[in-house]
Amino acid sequence: MLNIVLSTVQPFLKHQMVYVRQFIKSPRTFGSLAPSSPWLCERMARQVEWASVKTIAELGAGDGVLTRRLLNRMAPGARLDAYEIQPELADRLQVLAEDDHRLQVITRSAERLEGHYDVIFSCLPLLSIPVMPRLRILHHVREHLNPDGVLVQFQYSSLSEKILSRYFEWTRIYEVRNIPPAWVYICKPYRKRTE
């Protein structure tokens, strides 16, 4: 019985330690001691009408906890660009990319997005990122969303709402089944007025 418990717990603890090591190494760019829960990932993925989505970006993809769910929902011809600046985590994502041609791992900052997207999922810890890079990221996200595109962003605090409001109109939902609980923001760029 003990061997069964250990064989179940050991991979979980190993996965947790990856997050703890990354957080200690770079707390400003790695915003959590634990991966996002399955409930948070599912809540984020459900905010999108998948039938019409062809181009997706994931910012701060980590080791692929959310990425796997997105790939499961994507159409066969869709593309997912996973941005991750932590080399150890990008290597883990690359293993996923070897098994699924729709996934491209991009190892540069979200300040340098390429292409245009129907939806952008963001797991970036906005409040931990210095102000100027944070502003550049949100500006680039807004500029790289297709018309009718959406940003799905999670945060542990509502303190990022003021800065989100600078670029987007948004609604939010709360997911308590995560450590810590998190807000999921569904953000759309403000409509440009035509005169």
Protein backbone atom coordinates (compact mmCIF):
# COMPACT_ATOMS: atom_id res chain seq x y z
CA MET A 1 0.00 0.00 0.00
CA LEU A 2 2.79 2.39 0.92
CA ASN A 3 4.49 1.75 -2.45
CA ILE A 4 1.27 2.68 -4.26
CA VAL A 5 0.96 5.92 -2.32
CA LEU A 6 4.63 6.78 -2.90
CA SER A 7 4.40 6.04 -6.62
CA THR A 8 1.44 8.42 -6.84
CA VAL A 9 2.83 11.19 -4.66
CA GLN A 10 6.42 11.16 -5.94
CA PRO A 11 5.70 12.53 -9.47
CA PHE A 12 3.45 15.22 -7.97
CA LEU A 13 6.15 16.34 -5.54
CA LYS A 14 8.75 16.33 -8.30
CA HIS A 15 6.48 18.56 -10.41
CA GLN A 16 5.94 20.89 -7.43
CA MET A 17 9.69 21.18 -6.85
CA VAL A 18 10.20 22.41 -10.43
CA TYR A 19 7.89 25.33 -9.61
CA VAL A 20 9.54 26.04 -6.27
CA ARG A 21 13.02 26.06 -7.87
CA GLN A 22 11.88 28.37 -10.69
CA PHE A 23 10.18 30.73 -8.24
CA ILE A 24 13.29 30.96 -6.04
CA LYS A 25 15.49 31.50 -9.11
CA SER A 26 13.31 34.26 -10.60
CA PRO A 27 10.32 35.42 -8.53
CA ARG A 28 9.67 38.46 -10.77
CA THR A 29 9.14 36.38 -13.91
CA PHE A 30 7.79 33.25 -12.27
CA GLY A 31 4.73 34.22 -10.29
CA SER A 32 3.74 31.05 -8.46
CA LEU A 33 4.97 28.31 -6.15
CA ALA A 34 2.49 25.84 -7.65
CA PRO A 35 1.18 25.08 -11.13
CA SER A 36 -2.30 26.22 -12.11
CA SER A 37 -4.96 23.77 -11.02
CA PRO A 38 -6.96 21.72 -13.54
CA TRP A 39 -10.03 23.77 -12.55
CA LEU A 40 -8.33 27.09 -13.28
CA CYS A 41 -7.06 25.81 -16.64
CA GLU A 42 -10.50 24.51 -17.54
CA ARG A 43 -12.15 27.77 -16.49
CA MET A 44 -9.76 29.71 -18.73
CA ALA A 45 -10.20 27.38 -21.72
CA ARG A 46 -14.01 27.57 -21.49
CA GLN A 47 -13.96 31.33 -22.14
CA VAL A 48 -13.33 30.83 -25.86
CA GLU A 49 -15.59 29.83 -28.76
CA TRP A 50 -13.17 27.23 -30.15
CA ALA A 51 -14.92 26.63 -33.47
CA SER A 52 -13.70 29.96 -34.84
CA VAL A 53 -10.20 30.00 -33.30
CA LYS A 54 -7.22 29.42 -35.60
CA THR A 55 -4.36 31.34 -33.98
CA ILE A 56 -3.60 31.20 -30.26
CA ALA A 57 -0.79 32.54 -28.07
CA GLU A 58 -0.05 31.49 -24.51
CA LEU A 59 2.12 33.89 -22.51
CA GLY A 60 4.03 32.40 -19.61
CA ALA A 61 3.26 28.85 -20.69
CA GLY A 62 5.30 27.30 -17.88
CA ASP A 63 5.68 23.57 -18.27
CA GLY A 64 2.46 23.14 -20.23
CA VAL A 65 -0.28 22.70 -17.64
CA LEU A 66 -2.64 25.00 -19.58
CA THR A 67 -0.98 24.23 -22.93
CA ARG A 68 -2.18 20.61 -22.86
CA ARG A 69 -5.79 21.69 -22.34
CA LEU A 70 -5.57 24.21 -25.16
CA LEU A 71 -4.16 21.61 -27.55
CA ASN A 72 -7.01 19.25 -26.63
CA ARG A 73 -9.58 21.90 -27.61
CA MET A 74 -7.89 23.27 -30.73
CA ALA A 75 -8.93 22.41 -34.27
CA PRO A 76 -6.47 20.28 -36.28
CA GLY A 77 -5.46 23.27 -38.42
CA ALA A 78 -5.04 25.75 -35.55
CA ARG A 79 -1.68 27.02 -34.27
CA LEU A 80 -0.52 27.67 -30.68
CA ASP A 81 2.53 29.87 -30.00
CA ALA A 82 3.68 29.22 -26.43
CA TYR A 83 5.90 32.01 -25.09
CA GLU A 84 8.16 30.98 -22.20
CA ILE A 85 11.40 32.69 -21.13
CA GLN A 86 12.50 30.20 -18.47
CA PRO A 87 14.86 27.76 -20.30
CA GLU A 88 14.06 24.71 -18.13
CA LEU A 89 10.33 25.15 -18.69
CA ALA A 90 10.75 25.90 -22.40
CA ASP A 91 12.60 22.57 -22.72
CA ARG A 92 9.61 20.78 -21.19
CA LEU A 93 7.28 22.55 -23.63
CA GLN A 94 9.51 21.52 -26.52
CA VAL A 95 8.84 17.87 -25.64
CA LEU A 96 5.11 18.59 -26.10
CA ALA A 97 5.84 20.31 -29.42
CA GLU A 98 7.60 17.21 -30.71
CA ASP A 99 4.32 15.31 -30.30
CA ASP A 100 2.04 18.02 -31.71
CA HIS A 101 2.96 20.06 -34.80
CA ARG A 102 0.38 22.75 -33.90
CA LEU A 103 2.55 23.90 -30.97
CA GLN A 104 5.48 26.27 -31.45
CA VAL A 105 7.61 27.14 -28.42
CA ILE A 106 8.92 30.72 -28.48
CA THR A 107 11.67 31.54 -25.98
CA ARG A 108 11.41 35.31 -25.86
CA SER A 109 9.49 37.90 -23.91
CA ALA A 110 5.84 38.61 -24.53
CA GLU A 111 7.06 42.16 -25.21
CA ARG A 112 8.01 40.84 -28.65
CA LEU A 113 4.91 39.09 -29.96
CA GLU A 114 4.78 38.09 -33.60
CA GLY A 115 1.73 37.64 -35.78
CA HIS A 116 -1.89 38.20 -34.87
CA TYR A 117 -4.06 36.02 -32.69
CA ASP A 118 -7.72 35.16 -32.27
CA VAL A 119 -7.08 34.54 -28.58
CA ILE A 120 -4.21 35.12 -26.19
CA PHE A 121 -4.06 33.25 -22.89
CA SER A 122 -1.82 34.85 -20.29
CA CYS A 123 -0.46 33.35 -17.10
CA LEU A 124 1.98 36.22 -16.62
CA PRO A 125 2.23 37.63 -13.08
CA LEU A 126 1.43 41.19 -14.15
CA LEU A 127 1.97 42.76 -10.74
CA SER A 128 5.43 41.18 -10.41
CA ILE A 129 6.63 42.57 -13.74
CA PRO A 130 8.20 46.05 -13.62
CA VAL A 131 5.88 48.81 -14.86
CA MET A 132 7.41 49.58 -18.27
CA PRO A 133 7.70 45.96 -19.47
CA ARG A 134 4.17 45.34 -18.12
CA LEU A 135 2.82 48.26 -20.16
CA ARG A 136 4.69 47.12 -23.27
CA ILE A 137 3.32 43.59 -22.92
CA LEU A 138 -0.29 44.74 -22.59
CA HIS A 139 0.15 47.19 -25.46
CA HIS A 140 1.55 44.43 -27.68
CA VAL A 141 -1.19 42.03 -26.66
CA ARG A 142 -3.83 44.58 -27.66
CA GLU A 143 -2.06 45.33 -30.96
CA HIS A 144 -1.62 41.64 -31.83
CA LEU A 145 -5.21 40.57 -31.21
CA ASN A 146 -7.31 40.11 -34.33
CA PRO A 147 -10.53 42.14 -34.56
CA ASP A 148 -12.92 40.43 -32.12
CA GLY A 149 -9.91 38.79 -30.46
CA VAL A 150 -9.83 38.12 -26.73
CA LEU A 151 -7.24 38.04 -23.96
CA VAL A 152 -7.87 35.52 -21.18
CA GLN A 153 -5.65 36.53 -18.25
CA PHE A 154 -5.55 35.11 -14.75
CA GLN A 155 -4.31 36.93 -11.67
CA TYR A 156 -4.25 36.15 -7.96
CA SER A 157 -5.28 39.68 -7.05
CA SER A 158 -7.70 42.26 -8.41
CA LEU A 159 -4.98 44.93 -8.18
CA SER A 160 -4.19 44.57 -11.90
CA GLU A 161 -7.67 45.76 -12.92
CA LYS A 162 -6.62 49.40 -13.29
CA ILE A 163 -3.88 48.57 -15.76
CA LEU A 164 -6.08 46.10 -17.66
CA SER A 165 -8.68 48.86 -17.98
CA ARG A 166 -6.13 51.03 -19.71
CA TYR A 167 -6.14 48.65 -22.71
CA PHE A 168 -9.27 46.52 -22.47
CA GLU A 169 -12.86 46.26 -21.41
CA TRP A 170 -13.17 43.15 -19.30
CA THR A 171 -15.32 40.86 -17.24
CA ARG A 172 -14.04 38.52 -14.57
CA ILE A 173 -14.83 35.27 -12.84
CA TYR A 174 -13.36 33.82 -9.67
CA GLU A 175 -11.90 30.34 -9.41
CA VAL A 176 -11.53 29.17 -5.81
CA ARG A 177 -10.22 25.70 -6.70
CA ASN A 178 -6.66 26.89 -7.19
CA ILE A 179 -3.78 27.63 -4.81
CA PRO A 180 -4.18 30.51 -4.29
CA PRO A 181 -7.65 31.24 -5.72
CA ALA A 182 -7.50 33.33 -8.89
CA TRP A 183 -9.43 35.85 -10.96
CA VAL A 184 -9.89 35.04 -14.65
CA TYR A 185 -10.24 38.17 -16.78
CA ILE A 186 -11.88 38.00 -20.20
CA CYS A 187 -10.55 41.10 -21.98
CA LYS A 188 -11.47 42.69 -25.30
CA PRO A 189 -9.77 45.74 -26.78
CA TYR A 190 -11.82 48.91 -26.69
CA ARG A 191 -13.63 49.45 -29.98
CA LYS A 192 -12.20 52.23 -32.09
CA ARG A 193 -14.72 54.96 -32.77
CA THR A 194 -15.48 55.69 -36.39
CA GLU A 195 -16.68 59.15 -37.30
